[in-house]
N, C-alpha and C. Protein backbone atom coordinates (compact mmCIF):
# COMPACT_ATOMS: atom_id res chain seq x y z
N MET A 1 -5.39 21.78 -39.55
CA MET A 1 -5.80 23.15 -39.86
C MET A 1 -4.60 24.09 -39.83
N LEU A 2 -3.60 23.77 -38.99
CA LEU A 2 -2.36 24.55 -39.00
C LEU A 2 -1.64 24.39 -40.33
N PHE A 3 -1.64 23.18 -40.87
CA PHE A 3 -1.04 22.95 -42.19
C PHE A 3 -1.75 23.80 -43.25
N VAL A 4 -3.06 23.87 -43.18
CA VAL A 4 -3.83 24.68 -44.13
C VAL A 4 -3.44 26.15 -44.00
N ALA A 5 -3.35 26.63 -42.75
CA ALA A 5 -2.99 28.03 -42.52
C ALA A 5 -1.60 28.34 -43.07
N GLU A 6 -0.73 27.32 -43.08
CA GLU A 6 0.65 27.51 -43.58
C GLU A 6 0.76 27.16 -45.07
N ASP A 7 -0.38 26.93 -45.73
CA ASP A 7 -0.41 26.55 -47.15
C ASP A 7 0.31 25.24 -47.44
N ARG A 8 0.36 24.37 -46.46
CA ARG A 8 0.95 23.03 -46.66
C ARG A 8 -0.22 22.06 -46.87
N LEU A 9 -0.83 22.16 -48.04
CA LEU A 9 -2.08 21.45 -48.29
C LEU A 9 -1.89 19.96 -48.46
N VAL A 10 -0.75 19.53 -48.98
CA VAL A 10 -0.50 18.09 -49.11
C VAL A 10 -0.37 17.47 -47.73
N ALA A 11 0.32 18.15 -46.81
CA ALA A 11 0.42 17.66 -45.42
C ALA A 11 -0.97 17.59 -44.78
N ALA A 12 -1.79 18.60 -45.04
CA ALA A 12 -3.16 18.61 -44.51
C ALA A 12 -3.97 17.44 -45.09
N ALA A 13 -3.73 17.13 -46.37
CA ALA A 13 -4.42 16.00 -47.00
C ALA A 13 -4.06 14.70 -46.32
N TYR A 14 -2.77 14.52 -46.03
CA TYR A 14 -2.34 13.29 -45.35
C TYR A 14 -2.91 13.21 -43.93
N ALA A 15 -3.15 14.36 -43.30
CA ALA A 15 -3.79 14.36 -41.99
C ALA A 15 -5.21 13.79 -42.07
N ILE A 16 -5.90 14.05 -43.20
CA ILE A 16 -7.23 13.46 -43.38
C ILE A 16 -7.14 11.94 -43.52
N PHE A 17 -6.14 11.47 -44.28
CA PHE A 17 -5.96 10.02 -44.43
C PHE A 17 -5.69 9.36 -43.08
N ILE A 18 -4.85 9.99 -42.27
CA ILE A 18 -4.55 9.45 -40.95
C ILE A 18 -5.80 9.47 -40.07
N GLY A 19 -6.56 10.59 -40.17
CA GLY A 19 -7.80 10.70 -39.40
C GLY A 19 -8.80 9.63 -39.79
N ALA A 20 -8.88 9.32 -41.10
CA ALA A 20 -9.80 8.27 -41.57
C ALA A 20 -9.40 6.91 -41.01
N LEU A 21 -8.09 6.66 -40.93
CA LEU A 21 -7.61 5.40 -40.36
C LEU A 21 -8.02 5.29 -38.90
N PHE A 22 -7.85 6.36 -38.14
CA PHE A 22 -8.23 6.34 -36.72
C PHE A 22 -9.75 6.29 -36.55
N ASP A 23 -10.48 6.85 -37.50
CA ASP A 23 -11.94 6.77 -37.45
C ASP A 23 -12.40 5.32 -37.55
N PHE A 24 -11.70 4.55 -38.38
CA PHE A 24 -12.00 3.12 -38.47
C PHE A 24 -11.57 2.39 -37.20
N LEU A 25 -10.38 2.72 -36.71
CA LEU A 25 -9.83 1.99 -35.57
C LEU A 25 -10.59 2.27 -34.27
N ASP A 26 -11.11 3.49 -34.10
CA ASP A 26 -11.79 3.77 -32.82
C ASP A 26 -13.09 2.97 -32.71
N GLY A 27 -13.81 2.85 -33.84
CA GLY A 27 -15.04 2.05 -33.81
C GLY A 27 -14.74 0.58 -33.58
N ALA A 28 -13.72 0.08 -34.27
CA ALA A 28 -13.35 -1.34 -34.11
C ALA A 28 -12.88 -1.61 -32.69
N THR A 29 -12.12 -0.69 -32.11
CA THR A 29 -11.62 -0.86 -30.74
C THR A 29 -12.76 -0.83 -29.74
N ALA A 30 -13.71 0.09 -29.95
CA ALA A 30 -14.86 0.19 -29.04
C ALA A 30 -15.66 -1.11 -29.03
N LYS A 31 -15.85 -1.70 -30.22
CA LYS A 31 -16.59 -2.97 -30.29
C LYS A 31 -15.79 -4.09 -29.64
N LEU A 32 -14.48 -4.11 -29.87
CA LEU A 32 -13.63 -5.16 -29.32
C LEU A 32 -13.62 -5.12 -27.79
N LEU A 33 -13.63 -3.91 -27.23
CA LEU A 33 -13.57 -3.75 -25.78
C LEU A 33 -14.95 -3.63 -25.15
N SER A 34 -16.01 -3.72 -25.99
CA SER A 34 -17.39 -3.51 -25.50
C SER A 34 -17.49 -2.20 -24.74
N ALA A 35 -16.92 -1.16 -25.32
CA ALA A 35 -16.86 0.14 -24.65
C ALA A 35 -17.68 1.19 -25.39
N GLN A 36 -18.78 0.75 -26.02
CA GLN A 36 -19.62 1.69 -26.75
C GLN A 36 -20.52 2.45 -25.79
N SER A 37 -20.75 3.72 -26.04
CA SER A 37 -21.61 4.54 -25.18
C SER A 37 -22.23 5.66 -26.00
N SER A 38 -23.27 6.25 -25.47
CA SER A 38 -23.93 7.38 -26.15
C SER A 38 -22.97 8.56 -26.24
N MET A 39 -22.19 8.80 -25.18
CA MET A 39 -21.24 9.90 -25.21
C MET A 39 -20.17 9.65 -26.27
N GLY A 40 -19.71 8.41 -26.39
CA GLY A 40 -18.72 8.07 -27.41
C GLY A 40 -19.25 8.31 -28.80
N LYS A 41 -20.53 8.00 -29.01
CA LYS A 41 -21.16 8.22 -30.31
C LYS A 41 -21.16 9.70 -30.67
N GLN A 42 -21.51 10.55 -29.69
CA GLN A 42 -21.54 11.99 -29.94
C GLN A 42 -20.13 12.55 -30.14
N LEU A 43 -19.18 12.07 -29.34
CA LEU A 43 -17.80 12.53 -29.46
C LEU A 43 -17.22 12.14 -30.82
N ASP A 44 -17.60 10.95 -31.29
CA ASP A 44 -17.14 10.49 -32.60
C ASP A 44 -17.62 11.44 -33.70
N SER A 45 -18.87 11.87 -33.59
CA SER A 45 -19.42 12.79 -34.60
C SER A 45 -18.75 14.16 -34.54
N LEU A 46 -18.44 14.62 -33.33
CA LEU A 46 -17.76 15.91 -33.20
C LEU A 46 -16.35 15.84 -33.80
N ALA A 47 -15.67 14.72 -33.57
CA ALA A 47 -14.35 14.53 -34.17
C ALA A 47 -14.45 14.45 -35.69
N ASP A 48 -15.49 13.75 -36.18
CA ASP A 48 -15.71 13.64 -37.63
C ASP A 48 -15.95 15.01 -38.26
N LEU A 49 -16.64 15.88 -37.54
CA LEU A 49 -16.93 17.21 -38.08
C LEU A 49 -15.63 17.98 -38.34
N ILE A 50 -14.64 17.80 -37.47
CA ILE A 50 -13.36 18.46 -37.67
C ILE A 50 -12.58 17.79 -38.79
N THR A 51 -12.43 16.46 -38.70
CA THR A 51 -11.60 15.71 -39.65
C THR A 51 -12.19 15.69 -41.04
N PHE A 52 -13.50 15.47 -41.14
CA PHE A 52 -14.15 15.27 -42.43
C PHE A 52 -14.99 16.46 -42.89
N GLY A 53 -15.04 17.51 -42.08
CA GLY A 53 -15.81 18.69 -42.46
C GLY A 53 -14.96 19.95 -42.52
N LEU A 54 -14.41 20.34 -41.37
CA LEU A 54 -13.65 21.58 -41.30
C LEU A 54 -12.36 21.51 -42.11
N LEU A 55 -11.59 20.43 -41.94
CA LEU A 55 -10.31 20.33 -42.63
C LEU A 55 -10.47 20.24 -44.16
N PRO A 56 -11.36 19.40 -44.70
CA PRO A 56 -11.57 19.41 -46.15
C PRO A 56 -12.04 20.76 -46.67
N ALA A 57 -12.90 21.43 -45.91
CA ALA A 57 -13.37 22.76 -46.32
C ALA A 57 -12.20 23.74 -46.37
N GLY A 58 -11.29 23.64 -45.39
CA GLY A 58 -10.12 24.51 -45.39
C GLY A 58 -9.24 24.28 -46.61
N ILE A 59 -9.04 23.01 -46.95
CA ILE A 59 -8.25 22.67 -48.14
C ILE A 59 -8.92 23.21 -49.40
N MET A 60 -10.22 22.98 -49.51
CA MET A 60 -10.95 23.44 -50.70
C MET A 60 -10.93 24.97 -50.79
N TYR A 61 -11.09 25.64 -49.66
CA TYR A 61 -11.07 27.11 -49.63
C TYR A 61 -9.74 27.63 -50.18
N LYS A 62 -8.64 27.06 -49.70
CA LYS A 62 -7.31 27.49 -50.14
C LYS A 62 -7.10 27.21 -51.63
N LEU A 63 -7.56 26.05 -52.10
CA LEU A 63 -7.39 25.70 -53.51
C LEU A 63 -8.18 26.65 -54.41
N ILE A 64 -9.41 26.96 -54.01
CA ILE A 64 -10.22 27.87 -54.82
C ILE A 64 -9.58 29.25 -54.86
N ARG A 65 -9.09 29.73 -53.71
CA ARG A 65 -8.41 31.03 -53.69
C ARG A 65 -7.19 31.02 -54.59
N GLN A 66 -6.48 29.88 -54.60
CA GLN A 66 -5.25 29.77 -55.39
C GLN A 66 -5.52 29.77 -56.88
N TYR A 67 -6.60 29.10 -57.30
CA TYR A 67 -6.82 28.92 -58.74
C TYR A 67 -7.88 29.84 -59.33
N THR A 68 -8.60 30.58 -58.48
CA THR A 68 -9.57 31.53 -59.02
C THR A 68 -9.24 32.97 -58.64
N GLY A 69 -8.76 33.15 -57.41
CA GLY A 69 -8.50 34.51 -56.94
C GLY A 69 -9.77 35.29 -56.65
N LEU A 70 -10.92 34.63 -56.74
CA LEU A 70 -12.20 35.31 -56.52
C LEU A 70 -12.73 34.92 -55.14
N LEU A 71 -12.75 35.89 -54.22
CA LEU A 71 -13.14 35.60 -52.85
C LEU A 71 -14.56 35.04 -52.74
N PRO A 72 -15.57 35.60 -53.45
CA PRO A 72 -16.92 35.03 -53.32
C PRO A 72 -17.00 33.55 -53.69
N LEU A 73 -16.26 33.14 -54.73
CA LEU A 73 -16.29 31.73 -55.12
C LEU A 73 -15.68 30.84 -54.06
N SER A 74 -14.65 31.33 -53.37
CA SER A 74 -14.00 30.50 -52.35
C SER A 74 -14.93 30.22 -51.17
N HIS A 75 -15.93 31.06 -50.97
CA HIS A 75 -16.87 30.86 -49.87
C HIS A 75 -17.77 29.64 -50.08
N THR A 76 -17.83 29.14 -51.31
CA THR A 76 -18.61 27.91 -51.53
C THR A 76 -18.03 26.74 -50.74
N ALA A 77 -16.74 26.80 -50.40
CA ALA A 77 -16.12 25.73 -49.60
C ALA A 77 -16.74 25.63 -48.21
N LEU A 78 -17.29 26.75 -47.70
CA LEU A 78 -17.89 26.73 -46.37
C LEU A 78 -19.14 25.86 -46.32
N LEU A 79 -19.76 25.64 -47.48
CA LEU A 79 -20.93 24.74 -47.52
C LEU A 79 -20.56 23.33 -47.06
N ILE A 80 -19.30 22.95 -47.28
CA ILE A 80 -18.86 21.60 -46.90
C ILE A 80 -18.97 21.41 -45.40
N VAL A 81 -18.60 22.44 -44.61
CA VAL A 81 -18.71 22.34 -43.15
C VAL A 81 -20.17 22.21 -42.73
N ILE A 82 -21.01 23.09 -43.28
CA ILE A 82 -22.43 23.11 -42.91
C ILE A 82 -23.09 21.77 -43.25
N CYS A 83 -22.86 21.31 -44.47
CA CYS A 83 -23.52 20.08 -44.92
C CYS A 83 -22.95 18.84 -44.23
N THR A 84 -21.67 18.88 -43.86
CA THR A 84 -21.11 17.77 -43.07
C THR A 84 -21.77 17.70 -41.70
N ALA A 85 -21.97 18.85 -41.07
CA ALA A 85 -22.65 18.88 -39.77
C ALA A 85 -24.06 18.33 -39.88
N LEU A 86 -24.78 18.73 -40.92
CA LEU A 86 -26.14 18.22 -41.13
C LEU A 86 -26.13 16.71 -41.40
N ARG A 87 -25.16 16.27 -42.19
CA ARG A 87 -25.05 14.85 -42.54
C ARG A 87 -24.78 14.01 -41.29
N LEU A 88 -23.86 14.45 -40.44
CA LEU A 88 -23.52 13.70 -39.23
C LEU A 88 -24.69 13.70 -38.25
N SER A 89 -25.38 14.83 -38.15
CA SER A 89 -26.55 14.90 -37.25
C SER A 89 -27.63 13.93 -37.71
N LYS A 90 -27.85 13.91 -39.02
CA LYS A 90 -28.87 13.01 -39.58
C LYS A 90 -28.50 11.56 -39.33
N PHE A 91 -27.23 11.23 -39.49
CA PHE A 91 -26.79 9.85 -39.30
C PHE A 91 -27.07 9.38 -37.87
N ASN A 92 -26.91 10.27 -36.90
CA ASN A 92 -27.09 9.88 -35.50
C ASN A 92 -28.54 9.60 -35.13
N VAL A 93 -29.49 10.15 -35.88
CA VAL A 93 -30.90 9.99 -35.51
C VAL A 93 -31.71 9.22 -36.55
N ASP A 94 -31.09 8.92 -37.69
CA ASP A 94 -31.80 8.24 -38.77
C ASP A 94 -31.49 6.75 -38.72
N TYR A 95 -32.44 5.97 -38.25
CA TYR A 95 -32.20 4.53 -38.06
C TYR A 95 -32.45 3.72 -39.33
N ARG A 96 -32.67 4.41 -40.47
CA ARG A 96 -32.78 3.70 -41.75
C ARG A 96 -31.40 3.33 -42.29
N GLN A 97 -30.35 3.88 -41.71
CA GLN A 97 -29.02 3.73 -42.28
C GLN A 97 -28.26 2.55 -41.67
N THR A 98 -28.96 1.43 -41.55
CA THR A 98 -28.33 0.24 -41.01
C THR A 98 -27.56 -0.54 -42.07
N ASP A 99 -28.12 -0.64 -43.29
CA ASP A 99 -27.43 -1.38 -44.35
C ASP A 99 -27.12 -0.52 -45.57
N GLN A 100 -27.42 0.78 -45.48
CA GLN A 100 -27.05 1.72 -46.54
C GLN A 100 -26.97 3.11 -45.92
N PHE A 101 -26.29 4.00 -46.62
CA PHE A 101 -26.20 5.39 -46.16
C PHE A 101 -27.22 6.23 -46.92
N ILE A 102 -27.77 7.23 -46.25
CA ILE A 102 -28.63 8.21 -46.91
C ILE A 102 -27.81 9.49 -47.04
N GLY A 103 -27.36 9.76 -48.26
CA GLY A 103 -26.43 10.85 -48.48
C GLY A 103 -25.00 10.34 -48.53
N LEU A 104 -24.14 11.09 -49.19
CA LEU A 104 -22.74 10.71 -49.33
C LEU A 104 -22.07 10.64 -47.96
N PRO A 105 -21.41 9.54 -47.63
CA PRO A 105 -20.72 9.44 -46.33
C PRO A 105 -19.64 10.51 -46.20
N THR A 106 -19.52 11.08 -45.02
CA THR A 106 -18.55 12.16 -44.81
C THR A 106 -17.10 11.73 -45.03
N PRO A 107 -16.69 10.50 -44.64
CA PRO A 107 -15.29 10.13 -44.92
C PRO A 107 -14.99 10.06 -46.42
N ALA A 108 -15.94 9.56 -47.22
CA ALA A 108 -15.73 9.49 -48.67
C ALA A 108 -15.55 10.89 -49.25
N ASN A 109 -16.38 11.82 -48.81
CA ASN A 109 -16.27 13.20 -49.28
C ASN A 109 -14.92 13.80 -48.92
N ALA A 110 -14.50 13.59 -47.68
CA ALA A 110 -13.23 14.16 -47.21
C ALA A 110 -12.04 13.55 -47.94
N LEU A 111 -12.06 12.24 -48.15
CA LEU A 111 -10.95 11.59 -48.83
C LEU A 111 -10.85 12.05 -50.28
N LEU A 112 -11.99 12.27 -50.91
CA LEU A 112 -11.99 12.79 -52.29
C LEU A 112 -11.33 14.16 -52.34
N ILE A 113 -11.71 15.04 -51.42
CA ILE A 113 -11.12 16.38 -51.38
C ILE A 113 -9.63 16.32 -51.04
N ALA A 114 -9.26 15.38 -50.18
CA ALA A 114 -7.85 15.26 -49.77
C ALA A 114 -6.94 14.90 -50.94
N THR A 115 -7.48 14.22 -51.94
CA THR A 115 -6.64 13.85 -53.08
C THR A 115 -6.35 15.03 -54.01
N LEU A 116 -7.14 16.11 -53.90
CA LEU A 116 -7.00 17.22 -54.85
C LEU A 116 -5.63 17.90 -54.79
N PRO A 117 -5.14 18.31 -53.60
CA PRO A 117 -3.82 18.95 -53.60
C PRO A 117 -2.70 18.02 -54.04
N ILE A 118 -2.87 16.71 -53.82
CA ILE A 118 -1.87 15.74 -54.25
C ILE A 118 -1.87 15.64 -55.77
N LEU A 119 -3.06 15.57 -56.37
CA LEU A 119 -3.17 15.54 -57.83
C LEU A 119 -2.61 16.79 -58.47
N LEU A 120 -2.89 17.93 -57.86
CA LEU A 120 -2.49 19.21 -58.45
C LEU A 120 -1.00 19.51 -58.33
N THR A 121 -0.31 18.77 -57.47
CA THR A 121 1.13 18.98 -57.33
C THR A 121 1.94 17.92 -58.07
N GLN A 122 1.26 16.96 -58.68
CA GLN A 122 1.96 15.91 -59.43
C GLN A 122 1.40 15.89 -60.86
N PRO A 123 2.12 16.44 -61.82
CA PRO A 123 1.59 16.59 -63.19
C PRO A 123 1.51 15.29 -63.97
N THR A 124 0.90 14.28 -63.35
CA THR A 124 0.77 12.97 -64.02
C THR A 124 -0.39 12.98 -65.00
N TYR A 125 -1.44 13.72 -64.65
CA TYR A 125 -2.66 13.73 -65.46
C TYR A 125 -2.94 15.17 -65.90
N PRO A 126 -2.28 15.65 -66.96
CA PRO A 126 -2.42 17.07 -67.36
C PRO A 126 -3.85 17.47 -67.70
N CYS A 127 -4.61 16.58 -68.31
CA CYS A 127 -6.01 16.92 -68.66
C CYS A 127 -6.85 17.13 -67.41
N LEU A 128 -6.64 16.26 -66.41
CA LEU A 128 -7.38 16.40 -65.15
C LEU A 128 -6.98 17.67 -64.42
N ILE A 129 -5.69 17.97 -64.43
CA ILE A 129 -5.21 19.19 -63.77
C ILE A 129 -5.79 20.43 -64.47
N ALA A 130 -5.84 20.41 -65.79
CA ALA A 130 -6.42 21.53 -66.53
C ALA A 130 -7.89 21.72 -66.16
N LEU A 131 -8.60 20.61 -65.97
CA LEU A 131 -10.01 20.70 -65.58
C LEU A 131 -10.15 21.27 -64.17
N LEU A 132 -9.36 20.74 -63.23
CA LEU A 132 -9.49 21.16 -61.83
C LEU A 132 -9.06 22.60 -61.60
N THR A 133 -8.17 23.10 -62.44
CA THR A 133 -7.70 24.48 -62.26
C THR A 133 -8.56 25.50 -63.01
N ASN A 134 -9.59 25.03 -63.69
CA ASN A 134 -10.56 25.96 -64.27
C ASN A 134 -11.21 26.74 -63.11
N PRO A 135 -11.33 28.07 -63.23
CA PRO A 135 -11.80 28.88 -62.10
C PRO A 135 -13.15 28.47 -61.52
N PHE A 136 -13.98 27.78 -62.28
CA PHE A 136 -15.32 27.48 -61.80
C PHE A 136 -15.51 26.01 -61.38
N VAL A 137 -14.54 25.14 -61.66
CA VAL A 137 -14.74 23.71 -61.40
C VAL A 137 -14.73 23.40 -59.91
N LEU A 138 -13.75 23.91 -59.17
CA LEU A 138 -13.69 23.60 -57.74
C LEU A 138 -14.87 24.20 -56.96
N PRO A 139 -15.32 25.44 -57.24
CA PRO A 139 -16.53 25.92 -56.57
C PRO A 139 -17.76 25.05 -56.89
N LEU A 140 -17.90 24.65 -58.17
CA LEU A 140 -19.02 23.77 -58.53
C LEU A 140 -18.89 22.41 -57.84
N LEU A 141 -17.66 21.92 -57.71
CA LEU A 141 -17.45 20.64 -57.03
C LEU A 141 -17.82 20.76 -55.55
N SER A 142 -17.49 21.89 -54.93
CA SER A 142 -17.87 22.12 -53.53
C SER A 142 -19.38 22.04 -53.36
N MET A 143 -20.10 22.69 -54.28
CA MET A 143 -21.56 22.71 -54.19
C MET A 143 -22.15 21.33 -54.47
N LEU A 144 -21.59 20.61 -55.44
CA LEU A 144 -22.08 19.28 -55.78
C LEU A 144 -21.89 18.32 -54.61
N LEU A 145 -20.69 18.29 -54.05
CA LEU A 145 -20.42 17.38 -52.93
C LEU A 145 -21.26 17.74 -51.71
N SER A 146 -21.43 19.04 -51.47
CA SER A 146 -22.28 19.47 -50.34
C SER A 146 -23.71 19.00 -50.53
N PHE A 147 -24.21 19.10 -51.77
CA PHE A 147 -25.56 18.62 -52.05
C PHE A 147 -25.67 17.12 -51.83
N LEU A 148 -24.67 16.36 -52.30
CA LEU A 148 -24.70 14.91 -52.13
C LEU A 148 -24.67 14.51 -50.66
N LEU A 149 -23.97 15.28 -49.84
CA LEU A 149 -23.90 14.98 -48.40
C LEU A 149 -25.29 14.98 -47.76
N VAL A 150 -26.11 15.94 -48.14
CA VAL A 150 -27.42 16.10 -47.48
C VAL A 150 -28.58 15.59 -48.33
N SER A 151 -28.25 14.97 -49.46
CA SER A 151 -29.32 14.45 -50.33
C SER A 151 -29.96 13.22 -49.70
N HIS A 152 -31.11 12.84 -50.24
CA HIS A 152 -31.80 11.63 -49.78
C HIS A 152 -31.42 10.41 -50.62
N THR A 153 -30.36 10.54 -51.39
CA THR A 153 -29.91 9.43 -52.24
C THR A 153 -29.24 8.36 -51.40
N PRO A 154 -29.65 7.10 -51.55
CA PRO A 154 -28.97 6.03 -50.81
C PRO A 154 -27.61 5.71 -51.42
N PHE A 155 -26.61 5.57 -50.57
CA PHE A 155 -25.27 5.20 -50.98
C PHE A 155 -24.92 3.84 -50.36
N ILE A 156 -24.17 3.07 -51.10
CA ILE A 156 -23.79 1.73 -50.67
C ILE A 156 -22.95 1.82 -49.41
N ALA A 157 -23.30 1.03 -48.40
CA ALA A 157 -22.53 1.00 -47.15
C ALA A 157 -21.71 -0.28 -47.10
N PHE A 158 -20.49 -0.17 -46.61
CA PHE A 158 -19.61 -1.33 -46.50
C PHE A 158 -19.78 -1.99 -45.14
N LYS A 159 -21.04 -2.34 -44.86
CA LYS A 159 -21.36 -3.03 -43.62
C LYS A 159 -21.66 -4.49 -43.96
N PHE A 160 -20.65 -5.32 -43.82
CA PHE A 160 -20.77 -6.72 -44.22
C PHE A 160 -21.54 -7.49 -43.16
N LYS A 161 -22.51 -8.27 -43.63
CA LYS A 161 -23.24 -9.19 -42.75
C LYS A 161 -22.79 -10.60 -43.10
N GLY A 162 -21.71 -11.01 -42.46
CA GLY A 162 -21.10 -12.29 -42.81
C GLY A 162 -20.13 -12.09 -43.98
N LEU A 163 -19.54 -13.18 -44.43
CA LEU A 163 -18.55 -13.13 -45.51
C LEU A 163 -19.08 -13.69 -46.82
N SER A 164 -20.37 -14.00 -46.87
CA SER A 164 -20.97 -14.57 -48.07
C SER A 164 -20.82 -13.63 -49.26
N PHE A 165 -20.33 -14.16 -50.39
CA PHE A 165 -20.15 -13.33 -51.57
C PHE A 165 -21.50 -12.94 -52.16
N GLN A 166 -22.45 -13.85 -52.12
CA GLN A 166 -23.75 -13.60 -52.74
C GLN A 166 -24.47 -12.42 -52.08
N SER A 167 -24.43 -12.35 -50.77
CA SER A 167 -25.14 -11.28 -50.08
C SER A 167 -24.33 -9.98 -50.01
N ASN A 168 -23.05 -10.04 -50.36
CA ASN A 168 -22.19 -8.86 -50.30
C ASN A 168 -21.50 -8.58 -51.64
N SER A 169 -22.07 -9.10 -52.74
CA SER A 169 -21.37 -9.03 -54.03
C SER A 169 -21.03 -7.60 -54.44
N THR A 170 -21.99 -6.66 -54.28
CA THR A 170 -21.74 -5.28 -54.68
C THR A 170 -20.59 -4.69 -53.87
N ARG A 171 -20.56 -4.96 -52.58
CA ARG A 171 -19.49 -4.43 -51.72
C ARG A 171 -18.14 -5.01 -52.12
N TYR A 172 -18.11 -6.32 -52.42
CA TYR A 172 -16.84 -6.94 -52.83
C TYR A 172 -16.36 -6.36 -54.16
N TYR A 173 -17.27 -6.16 -55.09
CA TYR A 173 -16.90 -5.58 -56.39
C TYR A 173 -16.31 -4.18 -56.21
N LEU A 174 -16.98 -3.35 -55.41
CA LEU A 174 -16.51 -1.99 -55.20
C LEU A 174 -15.15 -1.96 -54.52
N LEU A 175 -14.98 -2.80 -53.50
CA LEU A 175 -13.69 -2.87 -52.82
C LEU A 175 -12.60 -3.34 -53.76
N GLY A 176 -12.92 -4.33 -54.58
CA GLY A 176 -11.94 -4.87 -55.53
C GLY A 176 -11.51 -3.84 -56.55
N ILE A 177 -12.49 -3.12 -57.12
CA ILE A 177 -12.17 -2.09 -58.12
C ILE A 177 -11.42 -0.93 -57.48
N GLY A 178 -11.83 -0.56 -56.27
CA GLY A 178 -11.12 0.50 -55.55
C GLY A 178 -9.67 0.12 -55.28
N LEU A 179 -9.45 -1.14 -54.92
CA LEU A 179 -8.08 -1.62 -54.67
C LEU A 179 -7.24 -1.58 -55.95
N VAL A 180 -7.87 -1.90 -57.08
CA VAL A 180 -7.16 -1.84 -58.36
C VAL A 180 -6.71 -0.41 -58.66
N PHE A 181 -7.60 0.55 -58.44
CA PHE A 181 -7.25 1.97 -58.66
C PHE A 181 -6.06 2.37 -57.79
N VAL A 182 -6.10 1.98 -56.51
CA VAL A 182 -5.04 2.38 -55.59
C VAL A 182 -3.72 1.69 -55.94
N LEU A 183 -3.77 0.41 -56.29
CA LEU A 183 -2.54 -0.30 -56.66
C LEU A 183 -1.94 0.26 -57.95
N ALA A 184 -2.80 0.69 -58.87
CA ALA A 184 -2.32 1.20 -60.15
C ALA A 184 -1.81 2.63 -60.05
N MET A 185 -2.44 3.45 -59.20
CA MET A 185 -2.11 4.89 -59.16
C MET A 185 -1.68 5.39 -57.79
N GLN A 186 -1.44 4.47 -56.85
CA GLN A 186 -1.09 4.82 -55.48
C GLN A 186 -2.20 5.67 -54.85
N ILE A 187 -1.80 6.65 -54.06
CA ILE A 187 -2.80 7.40 -53.30
C ILE A 187 -3.72 8.21 -54.21
N LYS A 188 -3.23 8.56 -55.40
CA LYS A 188 -4.08 9.31 -56.36
C LYS A 188 -5.25 8.46 -56.83
N GLY A 189 -5.13 7.14 -56.75
CA GLY A 189 -6.22 6.26 -57.16
C GLY A 189 -7.46 6.41 -56.30
N ILE A 190 -7.29 6.95 -55.09
CA ILE A 190 -8.45 7.16 -54.21
C ILE A 190 -9.44 8.11 -54.87
N PHE A 191 -8.93 9.11 -55.58
CA PHE A 191 -9.79 10.07 -56.28
C PHE A 191 -10.74 9.34 -57.23
N PHE A 192 -10.19 8.45 -58.06
CA PHE A 192 -10.99 7.73 -59.05
C PHE A 192 -11.86 6.66 -58.39
N ALA A 193 -11.35 6.04 -57.33
CA ALA A 193 -12.11 5.00 -56.63
C ALA A 193 -13.38 5.59 -56.00
N ILE A 194 -13.27 6.78 -55.42
CA ILE A 194 -14.44 7.39 -54.77
C ILE A 194 -15.44 7.88 -55.81
N TRP A 195 -14.96 8.41 -56.92
CA TRP A 195 -15.90 8.78 -57.98
C TRP A 195 -16.62 7.54 -58.51
N PHE A 196 -15.91 6.44 -58.63
CA PHE A 196 -16.55 5.19 -59.07
C PHE A 196 -17.62 4.76 -58.06
N TYR A 197 -17.31 4.91 -56.77
CA TYR A 197 -18.28 4.59 -55.71
C TYR A 197 -19.52 5.49 -55.82
N ILE A 198 -19.31 6.79 -56.04
CA ILE A 198 -20.43 7.73 -56.14
C ILE A 198 -21.32 7.37 -57.32
N PHE A 199 -20.71 7.17 -58.50
CA PHE A 199 -21.51 6.87 -59.69
C PHE A 199 -22.18 5.50 -59.59
N SER A 200 -21.53 4.54 -58.96
CA SER A 200 -22.15 3.22 -58.76
C SER A 200 -23.38 3.32 -57.88
N SER A 201 -23.28 4.11 -56.81
CA SER A 201 -24.42 4.29 -55.91
C SER A 201 -25.56 5.03 -56.60
N LEU A 202 -25.22 6.07 -57.38
CA LEU A 202 -26.26 6.81 -58.10
C LEU A 202 -26.93 5.94 -59.16
N TYR A 203 -26.14 5.13 -59.88
CA TYR A 203 -26.69 4.23 -60.88
C TYR A 203 -27.62 3.21 -60.23
N ARG A 204 -27.19 2.66 -59.11
CA ARG A 204 -28.01 1.68 -58.37
C ARG A 204 -29.32 2.30 -57.91
N HIS A 205 -29.26 3.55 -57.46
CA HIS A 205 -30.47 4.24 -57.01
C HIS A 205 -31.43 4.48 -58.18
N VAL A 206 -30.92 4.98 -59.31
CA VAL A 206 -31.76 5.25 -60.48
C VAL A 206 -32.36 3.96 -61.01
N ARG A 207 -31.57 2.91 -61.03
CA ARG A 207 -32.04 1.63 -61.55
C ARG A 207 -33.18 1.05 -60.72
N HIS A 208 -33.13 1.27 -59.40
CA HIS A 208 -34.18 0.72 -58.54
C HIS A 208 -35.38 1.64 -58.45
């Protein structure tokens, strides 16, 4: 958040990537040490609210101010904090989310937003940059992502039950395609990988 206050948005984006890595490691470490507890579960959610809610909202707020200059539109970024809090609260009490997520997972949302300042500072994709710098696109994106966070749409969860390809085929396909995006475009590939994940989950939901 200090990076955001100093307009160092790329540094703030990398802080989200580091936070996502530790979010994975703390759960894995807790299981390895058999140190899971109710307090740890609540503390994890509070940490997630900062890493995956407040910080992405700060980045989005600054980007909207930079590319629109319209203060009311920049306030749409605050929806990300509110909807992340609701999403995390729902996850803690909703026991349907054992093999799928209900609503867009907060780390996916945060990682998607984290790629924006990186994309906008590297003119590799001029058409995409032209789209993102349209005064209304980032506010609309804030509202869309906030809606997906609290929607009742099921999203694919990467919770593997064994290593069988047959029972985990969708997860393996998504991971494989996501890896291709990242290998081809480096960290910017995360932007396209997460959109592919979102559309794959929505297509799977509509199809069923």
